[in-house]
Amino acid sequence: MAGRMVMHGHDVDRQFEHFRAKKVEVSTSTALPRELDGDMIAPSSSLVVNVLPKALRVRTAVAAPTTARPS
């Protein structure tokens, strides 16, 4: 599913819902496993996430220039 979203965006597959928020609160009736930045943390029945504007920076390598051969 992640591949479809990366390749085609969230509008292609209606199984996904797309939201924007500054704060997200999730509550469940039972404790569930949770993950934080790829690490497992203690199970809980709640999770609060605050999103900081411009907090994520994505950097990529610069493509090496290509040298064209004269024909």
N, C-alpha and C. Protein backbone atom coordinates (compact mmCIF):
# COMPACT_ATOMS: atom_id res chain seq x y z
N MET A 1 0.82 -1.19 0.00
CA MET A 1 0.00 0.00 0.00
C MET A 1 0.86 1.25 0.00
N ALA A 2 1.97 1.21 0.75
CA ALA A 2 2.84 2.39 0.81
C ALA A 2 3.39 2.72 -0.57
N GLY A 3 3.73 1.68 -1.33
CA GLY A 3 4.24 1.90 -2.68
C GLY A 3 3.24 2.61 -3.57
N ARG A 4 1.97 2.24 -3.47
CA ARG A 4 0.94 2.90 -4.28
C ARG A 4 0.83 4.38 -3.91
N MET A 5 0.93 4.69 -2.61
CA MET A 5 0.83 6.08 -2.20
C MET A 5 2.02 6.89 -2.68
N VAL A 6 3.21 6.30 -2.60
CA VAL A 6 4.41 7.01 -3.04
C VAL A 6 4.34 7.24 -4.55
N MET A 7 3.93 6.23 -5.29
CA MET A 7 3.91 6.34 -6.75
C MET A 7 2.77 7.20 -7.27
N HIS A 8 1.60 7.12 -6.62
CA HIS A 8 0.42 7.77 -7.19
C HIS A 8 -0.24 8.81 -6.30
N GLY A 9 0.19 8.96 -5.08
CA GLY A 9 -0.42 9.94 -4.18
C GLY A 9 -1.63 9.37 -3.45
N HIS A 10 -2.12 10.09 -2.47
CA HIS A 10 -3.20 9.60 -1.63
C HIS A 10 -4.56 9.61 -2.31
N ASP A 11 -4.72 10.32 -3.41
CA ASP A 11 -6.02 10.38 -4.08
C ASP A 11 -6.33 9.15 -4.92
N VAL A 12 -5.34 8.33 -5.20
CA VAL A 12 -5.53 7.18 -6.09
C VAL A 12 -6.28 6.05 -5.39
N ASP A 13 -5.99 5.80 -4.13
CA ASP A 13 -6.55 4.66 -3.41
C ASP A 13 -7.49 5.16 -2.32
N ARG A 14 -8.75 4.85 -2.40
CA ARG A 14 -9.74 5.33 -1.44
C ARG A 14 -9.67 4.62 -0.09
N GLN A 15 -8.75 3.65 0.08
CA GLN A 15 -8.55 3.02 1.38
C GLN A 15 -7.84 3.99 2.35
N PHE A 16 -7.24 5.03 1.82
CA PHE A 16 -6.49 5.97 2.63
C PHE A 16 -7.27 7.25 2.83
N GLU A 17 -7.13 7.83 4.01
CA GLU A 17 -7.67 9.15 4.28
C GLU A 17 -6.49 10.06 4.57
N HIS A 18 -6.55 11.28 4.10
CA HIS A 18 -5.44 12.21 4.22
C HIS A 18 -5.91 13.41 5.03
N PHE A 19 -5.19 13.74 6.10
CA PHE A 19 -5.55 14.87 6.96
C PHE A 19 -4.32 15.72 7.23
N ARG A 20 -4.54 16.96 7.58
CA ARG A 20 -3.48 17.85 8.05
C ARG A 20 -3.90 18.33 9.43
N ALA A 21 -2.95 18.37 10.36
CA ALA A 21 -3.28 18.79 11.72
C ALA A 21 -2.03 19.28 12.43
N LYS A 22 -2.23 20.08 13.46
CA LYS A 22 -1.15 20.51 14.33
C LYS A 22 -1.04 19.59 15.54
N LYS A 23 -2.16 18.97 15.91
CA LYS A 23 -2.17 18.07 17.06
C LYS A 23 -3.12 16.92 16.76
N VAL A 24 -2.68 15.70 17.08
CA VAL A 24 -3.50 14.51 16.86
C VAL A 24 -3.58 13.74 18.17
N GLU A 25 -4.79 13.38 18.59
CA GLU A 25 -4.98 12.58 19.79
C GLU A 25 -5.73 11.31 19.41
N VAL A 26 -5.18 10.15 19.81
CA VAL A 26 -5.79 8.86 19.51
C VAL A 26 -6.06 8.15 20.83
N SER A 27 -7.29 7.67 21.02
CA SER A 27 -7.66 6.92 22.22
C SER A 27 -8.32 5.61 21.82
N THR A 28 -7.97 4.53 22.53
CA THR A 28 -8.57 3.22 22.28
C THR A 28 -9.07 2.64 23.59
N SER A 29 -9.89 1.61 23.50
CA SER A 29 -10.43 0.99 24.72
C SER A 29 -9.43 0.05 25.38
N THR A 30 -8.42 -0.41 24.64
CA THR A 30 -7.40 -1.29 25.19
C THR A 30 -6.01 -0.75 24.84
N ALA A 31 -5.03 -1.14 25.62
CA ALA A 31 -3.65 -0.72 25.34
C ALA A 31 -3.14 -1.40 24.07
N LEU A 32 -2.53 -0.62 23.20
CA LEU A 32 -2.00 -1.13 21.94
C LEU A 32 -0.52 -0.80 21.83
N PRO A 33 0.23 -1.59 21.04
CA PRO A 33 1.64 -1.25 20.83
C PRO A 33 1.76 0.09 20.12
N ARG A 34 2.83 0.82 20.42
CA ARG A 34 3.04 2.13 19.78
C ARG A 34 4.48 2.22 19.30
N GLU A 35 4.70 3.10 18.34
CA GLU A 35 6.02 3.30 17.77
C GLU A 35 6.31 4.79 17.72
N LEU A 36 7.55 5.16 18.04
CA LEU A 36 7.96 6.55 18.01
C LEU A 36 9.28 6.64 17.26
N ASP A 37 9.28 7.31 16.12
CA ASP A 37 10.48 7.44 15.29
C ASP A 37 11.13 6.10 14.99
N GLY A 38 10.32 5.08 14.73
CA GLY A 38 10.83 3.77 14.37
C GLY A 38 11.16 2.86 15.55
N ASP A 39 11.02 3.36 16.78
CA ASP A 39 11.30 2.56 17.97
C ASP A 39 10.00 2.23 18.69
N MET A 40 9.89 1.00 19.16
CA MET A 40 8.72 0.60 19.93
C MET A 40 8.76 1.26 21.30
N ILE A 41 7.61 1.76 21.76
CA ILE A 41 7.50 2.33 23.11
C ILE A 41 6.41 1.57 23.84
N ALA A 42 6.26 1.81 25.12
CA ALA A 42 5.31 1.07 25.95
C ALA A 42 3.90 1.14 25.37
N PRO A 43 3.17 0.01 25.39
CA PRO A 43 1.78 0.01 24.94
C PRO A 43 0.94 0.96 25.80
N SER A 44 -0.09 1.53 25.21
CA SER A 44 -0.97 2.44 25.94
C SER A 44 -2.30 2.54 25.21
N SER A 45 -3.28 3.10 25.89
CA SER A 45 -4.59 3.29 25.26
C SER A 45 -4.74 4.70 24.71
N SER A 46 -3.66 5.50 24.75
CA SER A 46 -3.74 6.84 24.19
C SER A 46 -2.39 7.26 23.59
N LEU A 47 -2.48 8.20 22.67
CA LEU A 47 -1.28 8.75 22.03
C LEU A 47 -1.61 10.17 21.62
N VAL A 48 -0.74 11.10 21.98
CA VAL A 48 -0.90 12.50 21.59
C VAL A 48 0.34 12.89 20.80
N VAL A 49 0.12 13.45 19.62
CA VAL A 49 1.22 13.85 18.74
C VAL A 49 1.05 15.33 18.40
N ASN A 50 2.10 16.10 18.64
CA ASN A 50 2.13 17.51 18.23
C ASN A 50 3.04 17.63 17.03
N VAL A 51 2.56 18.29 15.99
CA VAL A 51 3.32 18.44 14.76
C VAL A 51 3.88 19.86 14.71
N LEU A 52 5.20 19.95 14.57
CA LEU A 52 5.84 21.25 14.51
C LEU A 52 6.00 21.67 13.05
N PRO A 53 5.56 22.87 12.69
CA PRO A 53 5.70 23.33 11.31
C PRO A 53 7.16 23.35 10.88
N LYS A 54 7.42 22.86 9.69
CA LYS A 54 8.75 22.85 9.08
C LYS A 54 9.78 22.08 9.92
N ALA A 55 9.32 21.14 10.75
CA ALA A 55 10.23 20.40 11.61
C ALA A 55 10.96 19.29 10.86
N LEU A 56 10.42 18.86 9.74
CA LEU A 56 11.03 17.77 8.97
C LEU A 56 11.77 18.34 7.78
N ARG A 57 13.06 18.04 7.73
CA ARG A 57 13.86 18.45 6.58
C ARG A 57 14.27 17.20 5.84
N VAL A 58 14.06 17.21 4.56
CA VAL A 58 14.44 16.08 3.72
C VAL A 58 15.58 16.54 2.84
N ARG A 59 16.69 15.79 2.90
CA ARG A 59 17.85 16.13 2.08
C ARG A 59 18.18 14.95 1.19
N THR A 60 18.56 15.25 -0.02
CA THR A 60 18.95 14.20 -0.96
C THR A 60 20.29 14.56 -1.56
N ALA A 61 20.95 13.56 -2.09
CA ALA A 61 22.23 13.80 -2.75
C ALA A 61 21.98 14.51 -4.07
N VAL A 62 22.92 15.37 -4.44
CA VAL A 62 22.83 16.06 -5.71
C VAL A 62 23.28 15.09 -6.79
N ALA A 63 22.53 15.02 -7.87
CA ALA A 63 22.89 14.14 -8.98
C ALA A 63 24.18 14.60 -9.63
N ALA A 64 25.04 13.65 -9.94
CA ALA A 64 26.30 13.99 -10.61
C ALA A 64 26.00 14.51 -12.02
N PRO A 65 26.71 15.55 -12.44
CA PRO A 65 26.45 16.06 -13.79
C PRO A 65 26.86 15.04 -14.85
N THR A 66 26.11 15.00 -15.91
CA THR A 66 26.43 14.07 -16.99
C THR A 66 27.24 14.81 -18.04
N THR A 67 28.16 14.13 -18.64
CA THR A 67 28.97 14.73 -19.71
C THR A 67 28.49 14.17 -21.03
N ALA A 68 28.04 15.06 -21.87
CA ALA A 68 27.56 14.63 -23.18
C ALA A 68 28.72 14.54 -24.15
N ARG A 69 28.73 13.47 -24.92
CA ARG A 69 29.77 13.29 -25.95
C ARG A 69 29.28 13.90 -27.25
N PRO A 70 30.16 14.62 -27.93
CA PRO A 70 29.74 15.18 -29.23
C PRO A 70 29.46 14.05 -30.22
N SER A 71 28.45 14.25 -31.04
CA SER A 71 28.13 13.20 -32.02
C SER A 71 28.83 13.39 -33.34
